[in-house]
Amino acid sequence: MCLTLFLKCPIFPTKNGKIIELAVNAVIQGLPIKNKEALQNPEILDFFKNLDALK
């Protein structure tokens, strides 16, 4: 079974324009975030911490 969830979330660009799904995935799983300094606004990742829709 494959579930898909779409959420409206803030924009979170990196300094070089790359997608940051690995960082978001790490936050959701409670893992340490690698290369957090590459994000322009790393505090945006807090949006995904303890998000009820992901429980």
N, C-alpha and C. Protein backbone atom coordinates (compact mmCIF):
# COMPACT_ATOMS: atom_id res chain seq x y z
N MET A 1 0.85 -1.18 0.00
CA MET A 1 0.00 0.00 0.00
C MET A 1 0.89 1.24 0.00
N CYS A 2 0.52 2.21 -0.77
CA CYS A 2 1.27 3.45 -0.86
C CYS A 2 0.32 4.61 -0.56
N LEU A 3 0.66 5.37 0.46
CA LEU A 3 -0.16 6.52 0.82
C LEU A 3 0.53 7.80 0.38
N THR A 4 -0.24 8.76 -0.03
CA THR A 4 0.30 10.04 -0.44
C THR A 4 -0.41 11.14 0.33
N LEU A 5 0.35 12.09 0.80
CA LEU A 5 -0.20 13.21 1.53
C LEU A 5 0.38 14.49 0.95
N PHE A 6 -0.48 15.41 0.60
CA PHE A 6 -0.04 16.70 0.08
C PHE A 6 -0.34 17.75 1.14
N LEU A 7 0.67 18.54 1.47
CA LEU A 7 0.52 19.59 2.46
C LEU A 7 0.93 20.93 1.86
N LYS A 8 0.22 21.95 2.23
CA LYS A 8 0.64 23.30 1.86
C LYS A 8 1.64 23.73 2.93
N CYS A 9 2.85 24.05 2.49
CA CYS A 9 3.89 24.39 3.44
C CYS A 9 4.65 25.62 2.97
N PRO A 10 5.43 26.20 3.87
CA PRO A 10 6.19 27.40 3.49
C PRO A 10 7.27 27.07 2.45
N ILE A 11 7.71 28.10 1.76
CA ILE A 11 8.78 27.94 0.78
C ILE A 11 10.10 27.81 1.54
N PHE A 12 10.91 26.84 1.15
CA PHE A 12 12.17 26.63 1.85
C PHE A 12 13.31 26.39 0.86
N PRO A 13 13.76 27.45 0.20
CA PRO A 13 14.84 27.29 -0.77
C PRO A 13 16.19 27.06 -0.10
N THR A 14 17.08 26.45 -0.85
CA THR A 14 18.46 26.32 -0.40
C THR A 14 19.26 27.47 -0.99
N LYS A 15 20.45 27.62 -0.54
CA LYS A 15 21.30 28.70 -1.05
C LYS A 15 21.65 28.50 -2.52
N ASN A 16 21.66 27.22 -2.98
CA ASN A 16 21.98 26.95 -4.38
C ASN A 16 20.78 26.51 -5.20
N GLY A 17 19.57 26.57 -4.63
CA GLY A 17 18.35 26.27 -5.36
C GLY A 17 17.96 24.81 -5.43
N LYS A 18 18.66 23.92 -4.73
CA LYS A 18 18.35 22.50 -4.78
C LYS A 18 17.15 22.16 -3.91
N ILE A 19 16.52 21.05 -4.22
CA ILE A 19 15.37 20.57 -3.46
C ILE A 19 15.88 19.95 -2.16
N ILE A 20 15.12 20.09 -1.09
CA ILE A 20 15.59 19.62 0.21
C ILE A 20 14.74 18.50 0.79
N GLU A 21 14.26 17.61 -0.07
CA GLU A 21 13.40 16.54 0.46
C GLU A 21 14.12 15.65 1.46
N LEU A 22 15.44 15.49 1.35
CA LEU A 22 16.16 14.67 2.32
C LEU A 22 16.13 15.29 3.71
N ALA A 23 16.27 16.60 3.79
CA ALA A 23 16.20 17.28 5.08
C ALA A 23 14.81 17.18 5.67
N VAL A 24 13.79 17.37 4.87
CA VAL A 24 12.41 17.27 5.34
C VAL A 24 12.13 15.85 5.80
N ASN A 25 12.57 14.87 5.04
CA ASN A 25 12.37 13.48 5.41
C ASN A 25 13.04 13.17 6.75
N ALA A 26 14.24 13.69 6.96
CA ALA A 26 14.96 13.47 8.21
C ALA A 26 14.19 14.07 9.39
N VAL A 27 13.66 15.27 9.22
CA VAL A 27 12.89 15.92 10.28
C VAL A 27 11.66 15.09 10.63
N ILE A 28 10.95 14.63 9.63
CA ILE A 28 9.74 13.85 9.84
C ILE A 28 10.05 12.57 10.61
N GLN A 29 11.20 11.94 10.30
CA GLN A 29 11.57 10.70 10.95
C GLN A 29 12.31 10.91 12.27
N GLY A 30 12.58 12.16 12.63
CA GLY A 30 13.27 12.44 13.87
C GLY A 30 14.77 12.18 13.80
N LEU A 31 15.32 12.19 12.61
CA LEU A 31 16.75 11.94 12.41
C LEU A 31 17.51 13.26 12.36
N PRO A 32 18.82 13.23 12.57
CA PRO A 32 19.61 14.46 12.44
C PRO A 32 19.61 14.95 11.00
N ILE A 33 19.65 16.26 10.84
CA ILE A 33 19.62 16.86 9.51
C ILE A 33 21.05 17.10 9.04
N LYS A 34 21.37 16.53 7.90
CA LYS A 34 22.69 16.73 7.32
C LYS A 34 22.67 17.98 6.44
N ASN A 35 23.73 18.73 6.45
CA ASN A 35 23.90 19.88 5.57
C ASN A 35 22.86 20.97 5.80
N LYS A 36 22.46 21.16 7.06
CA LYS A 36 21.47 22.17 7.40
C LYS A 36 21.93 23.58 7.02
N GLU A 37 23.24 23.79 7.01
CA GLU A 37 23.78 25.11 6.67
C GLU A 37 23.56 25.49 5.21
N ALA A 38 23.16 24.53 4.38
CA ALA A 38 22.88 24.81 2.97
C ALA A 38 21.52 25.49 2.79
N LEU A 39 20.70 25.49 3.82
CA LEU A 39 19.36 26.09 3.72
C LEU A 39 19.41 27.58 4.01
N GLN A 40 18.64 28.34 3.26
CA GLN A 40 18.55 29.78 3.51
C GLN A 40 17.81 30.04 4.83
N ASN A 41 16.75 29.27 5.08
CA ASN A 41 15.93 29.44 6.28
C ASN A 41 15.74 28.09 6.96
N PRO A 42 16.75 27.59 7.67
CA PRO A 42 16.63 26.27 8.29
C PRO A 42 15.51 26.16 9.30
N GLU A 43 15.08 27.28 9.86
CA GLU A 43 13.97 27.25 10.83
C GLU A 43 12.65 26.80 10.19
N ILE A 44 12.56 26.86 8.87
CA ILE A 44 11.36 26.40 8.16
C ILE A 44 11.12 24.91 8.41
N LEU A 45 12.19 24.15 8.67
CA LEU A 45 12.03 22.71 8.92
C LEU A 45 11.21 22.45 10.17
N ASP A 46 11.14 23.43 11.07
CA ASP A 46 10.32 23.27 12.27
C ASP A 46 8.85 23.05 11.93
N PHE A 47 8.43 23.50 10.75
CA PHE A 47 7.05 23.31 10.29
C PHE A 47 6.67 21.82 10.31
N PHE A 48 7.63 20.96 10.01
CA PHE A 48 7.35 19.54 9.87
C PHE A 48 7.49 18.76 11.17
N LYS A 49 8.06 19.37 12.21
CA LYS A 49 8.20 18.69 13.49
C LYS A 49 6.84 18.56 14.15
N ASN A 50 6.51 17.38 14.59
CA ASN A 50 5.26 17.10 15.31
C ASN A 50 4.02 17.54 14.55
N LEU A 51 4.05 17.44 13.24
CA LEU A 51 2.91 17.80 12.42
C LEU A 51 1.85 16.71 12.53
N ASP A 52 0.67 17.05 13.02
CA ASP A 52 -0.39 16.07 13.25
C ASP A 52 -0.74 15.26 12.01
N ALA A 53 -0.69 15.87 10.85
CA ALA A 53 -1.05 15.18 9.61
C ALA A 53 -0.09 14.04 9.28
N LEU A 54 1.10 14.04 9.88
CA LEU A 54 2.09 13.02 9.59
C LEU A 54 2.11 11.90 10.60
N LYS A 55 1.23 11.95 11.58
CA LYS A 55 1.19 10.91 12.62
C LYS A 55 0.31 9.76 12.21
